[in-house]
Amino acid sequence: MWPWGHAALGYLLYRVVLPSRGRPWPPSDGTAIALAVGTQFPDLIDKPLAWSFGLIPSGRSLAHSLVLATIVCLLVVTIARRSGQSKPAWAFAFGYYAHLLGDALLPILQLDAEFLSFLAWPLLPPPPYESDSSFLEHILNLSPTPFTLFGLLLTVFAMGIWIYDGYPGLRWLGTESGTPVSND
């Protein structure tokens, strides 16, 4: 899934889950930003470490592992709880796991367990990808597959919902004092 698809999936899932748990909607700007960062976090770690520096075996290994995801999310929530910022920390964790779900979605739909092995790295080797070498290679190989089109449609839908919700994460830009608006 491309970055915009991860952001859209995370936002839409959070949009469904948060109000269903009795929390007010939309979230504060800080919480929305933490959610967005969480939806991108695994790729921000793995892609440069694998493609630019060759330090890990794949662009879906270290930060895409449920092992590391759980450790990172527990640390983030524990540290944030001590500083009274648990809502953004939980949103980050939600976004992180939504990213992993987004990457697992196609292999699940295709019933291809081999391509789910990234979730158990380093206990299992990462899946064999045809192009796992550079950002430019991925951009140049972007093609309108059904899953890529699904990600684009999901993004357009999520953007419409996000606009309807009043631009959570950017509302502070519209305030005179620049003070973020908090709804959670």
Protein backbone atom coordinates (compact mmCIF):
# COMPACT_ATOMS: atom_id res chain seq x y z
CA MET A 1 0.00 0.00 0.00
CA TRP A 2 1.27 3.47 -0.85
CA PRO A 3 1.66 6.18 1.84
CA TRP A 4 -1.61 7.92 0.98
CA GLY A 5 -3.47 4.60 1.22
CA HIS A 6 -1.97 3.93 4.66
CA ALA A 7 -3.02 7.38 5.86
CA ALA A 8 -6.53 6.93 4.47
CA LEU A 9 -7.00 3.45 5.94
CA GLY A 10 -5.74 4.57 9.35
CA TYR A 11 -7.96 7.65 9.40
CA LEU A 12 -11.08 5.79 8.32
CA LEU A 13 -10.56 2.96 10.80
CA TYR A 14 -9.89 5.44 13.61
CA ARG A 15 -12.96 7.39 12.51
CA VAL A 16 -15.08 4.27 13.04
CA VAL A 17 -13.44 3.03 16.24
CA LEU A 18 -13.07 6.24 18.26
CA PRO A 19 -16.73 7.35 18.30
CA SER A 20 -17.84 3.75 18.85
CA ARG A 21 -15.84 3.76 22.08
CA GLY A 22 -17.71 6.83 23.31
CA ARG A 23 -14.94 9.32 22.58
CA PRO A 24 -15.74 12.66 20.96
CA TRP A 25 -15.04 13.17 17.29
CA PRO A 26 -13.06 14.68 15.65
CA PRO A 27 -9.79 14.21 17.54
CA SER A 28 -7.51 17.06 18.56
CA ASP A 29 -4.89 18.23 16.09
CA GLY A 30 -2.13 16.56 18.09
CA THR A 31 -3.97 13.26 18.16
CA ALA A 32 -4.72 13.43 14.42
CA ILE A 33 -1.06 14.19 13.67
CA ALA A 34 0.07 11.29 15.89
CA LEU A 35 -2.33 9.00 14.02
CA ALA A 36 -0.92 10.17 10.67
CA VAL A 37 2.68 9.64 11.83
CA GLY A 38 1.76 6.15 13.06
CA THR A 39 0.32 5.25 9.67
CA GLN A 40 3.66 6.09 8.03
CA PHE A 41 6.10 5.01 10.76
CA PRO A 42 6.99 1.48 9.57
CA ASP A 43 7.91 2.73 6.09
CA LEU A 44 9.82 5.72 7.49
CA ILE A 45 12.05 3.26 9.34
CA ASP A 46 12.29 0.25 7.04
CA LYS A 47 12.52 1.79 3.57
CA PRO A 48 15.58 3.99 4.24
CA LEU A 49 17.32 1.33 6.36
CA ALA A 50 16.83 -1.30 3.65
CA TRP A 51 16.97 0.65 0.41
CA SER A 52 19.36 3.50 1.18
CA PHE A 53 21.67 1.96 3.76
CA GLY A 54 21.30 -1.81 3.30
CA LEU A 55 21.16 -2.34 7.08
CA ILE A 56 18.08 -4.59 7.08
CA PRO A 57 17.03 -7.27 4.59
CA SER A 58 13.83 -5.71 3.28
CA GLY A 59 11.65 -2.62 3.14
CA ARG A 60 9.18 -4.72 5.13
CA SER A 61 11.12 -6.26 7.97
CA LEU A 62 12.21 -4.50 11.17
CA ALA A 63 9.46 -1.92 11.76
CA HIS A 64 6.87 -4.05 9.95
CA SER A 65 7.31 -6.84 12.49
CA LEU A 66 4.56 -7.29 15.06
CA VAL A 67 7.38 -7.91 17.55
CA LEU A 68 8.93 -4.47 17.10
CA ALA A 69 5.54 -2.78 16.60
CA THR A 70 4.39 -4.02 19.99
CA ILE A 71 7.61 -2.93 21.70
CA VAL A 72 7.55 0.53 20.07
CA CYS A 73 3.87 1.10 20.83
CA LEU A 74 4.23 0.00 24.45
CA LEU A 75 7.20 2.36 24.89
CA VAL A 76 5.39 5.27 23.23
CA VAL A 77 2.25 4.77 25.33
CA THR A 78 4.23 4.32 28.56
CA ILE A 79 6.32 7.45 28.02
CA ALA A 80 3.32 9.49 26.86
CA ARG A 81 1.20 8.40 29.81
CA ARG A 82 3.83 9.82 32.17
CA SER A 83 3.60 13.19 30.41
CA GLY A 84 -0.21 13.19 30.22
CA GLN A 85 -0.30 12.68 26.45
CA SER A 86 -1.81 9.20 26.26
CA LYS A 87 -4.45 10.00 23.60
CA PRO A 88 -1.92 10.95 20.90
CA ALA A 89 0.21 7.94 21.90
CA TRP A 90 -2.72 5.56 21.49
CA ALA A 91 -3.52 7.21 18.14
CA PHE A 92 0.08 6.66 17.02
CA ALA A 93 -0.18 2.99 18.03
CA PHE A 94 -3.51 2.66 16.22
CA GLY A 95 -1.99 4.17 13.08
CA TYR A 96 1.04 1.90 13.34
CA TYR A 97 -1.10 -1.24 13.49
CA ALA A 98 -3.37 0.11 10.73
CA HIS A 99 -0.26 0.37 8.54
CA LEU A 100 0.58 -3.28 9.18
CA LEU A 101 -3.01 -4.24 8.37
CA GLY A 102 -2.80 -2.26 5.13
CA ASP A 103 0.35 -4.11 4.09
CA ALA A 104 -1.17 -7.46 5.07
CA LEU A 105 -4.48 -6.82 3.30
CA LEU A 106 -3.49 -7.90 -0.21
CA PRO A 107 -1.70 -11.11 0.89
CA ILE A 108 -4.72 -11.95 3.05
CA LEU A 109 -7.11 -11.39 0.13
CA GLN A 110 -4.86 -13.48 -2.12
CA LEU A 111 -4.48 -16.18 0.57
CA ASP A 112 -0.71 -15.84 0.23
CA ALA A 113 0.78 -16.67 3.64
CA GLU A 114 4.36 -16.31 2.34
CA PHE A 115 3.87 -12.56 1.92
CA LEU A 116 2.63 -12.22 5.49
CA SER A 117 5.98 -13.39 6.91
CA PHE A 118 7.10 -9.77 7.37
CA LEU A 119 4.77 -9.63 10.37
CA ALA A 120 6.91 -12.22 12.17
CA TRP A 121 10.36 -10.91 11.22
CA PRO A 122 13.02 -11.82 12.50
CA LEU A 123 11.40 -15.14 13.44
CA LEU A 124 10.59 -15.64 9.74
CA PRO A 125 12.49 -14.26 6.73
CA PRO A 126 10.93 -11.31 4.92
CA PRO A 127 8.94 -12.11 1.77
CA PRO A 128 10.75 -12.08 -1.57
CA TYR A 129 9.88 -8.82 -3.33
CA GLU A 130 10.61 -8.19 -6.99
CA SER A 131 11.65 -4.60 -6.36
CA ASP A 132 13.00 -3.88 -2.91
CA SER A 133 15.87 -1.60 -3.74
CA SER A 134 15.03 2.11 -4.04
CA PHE A 135 12.40 4.79 -3.74
CA LEU A 136 12.85 5.76 -7.38
CA GLU A 137 12.37 2.17 -8.56
CA HIS A 138 9.07 1.96 -6.69
CA ILE A 139 7.83 5.26 -8.11
CA LEU A 140 8.83 4.28 -11.64
CA ASN A 141 7.08 0.91 -11.28
CA LEU A 142 3.82 2.42 -10.02
CA SER A 143 1.07 0.86 -12.08
CA PRO A 144 -2.72 1.03 -11.95
CA THR A 145 -3.30 -2.38 -10.38
CA PRO A 146 -6.69 -3.00 -8.79
CA PHE A 147 -5.11 -2.70 -5.33
CA THR A 148 -3.37 0.59 -6.23
CA LEU A 149 -6.68 1.94 -7.56
CA PHE A 150 -8.40 0.76 -4.38
CA GLY A 151 -5.83 2.75 -2.38
CA LEU A 152 -6.50 5.85 -4.49
CA LEU A 153 -10.27 5.53 -4.11
CA LEU A 154 -9.87 4.96 -0.38
CA THR A 155 -7.73 8.10 -0.21
CA VAL A 156 -10.27 10.24 -2.07
CA PHE A 157 -13.04 8.96 0.19
CA ALA A 158 -10.96 9.55 3.33
CA MET A 159 -10.06 13.07 2.19
CA GLY A 160 -13.75 13.85 1.78
CA ILE A 161 -14.47 12.57 5.29
CA TRP A 162 -11.45 14.43 6.68
CA ILE A 163 -12.65 17.69 5.08
CA TYR A 164 -16.16 17.07 6.42
CA ASP A 165 -14.61 16.51 9.88
CA GLY A 166 -13.01 19.96 9.76
CA TYR A 167 -9.40 19.09 8.83
CA PRO A 168 -8.24 17.40 12.07
CA GLY A 169 -4.50 17.89 12.35
CA LEU A 170 -4.63 21.23 10.52
CA ARG A 171 -7.32 23.13 12.42
CA TRP A 172 -4.72 25.08 14.34
CA LEU A 173 -3.81 26.83 11.08
CA GLY A 174 -7.25 28.43 11.00
CA THR A 175 -7.22 29.80 14.55
CA GLU A 176 -6.23 33.38 15.23
CA SER A 177 -3.99 32.55 18.15
CA GLY A 178 -2.48 29.49 16.50
CA THR A 179 -3.57 27.44 19.51
CA PRO A 180 -4.66 23.92 18.57
CA VAL A 181 -8.33 23.08 19.05
CA SER A 182 -8.83 20.07 21.31
CA ASN A 183 -11.81 17.77 21.06
CA ASP A 184 -10.41 14.83 22.95
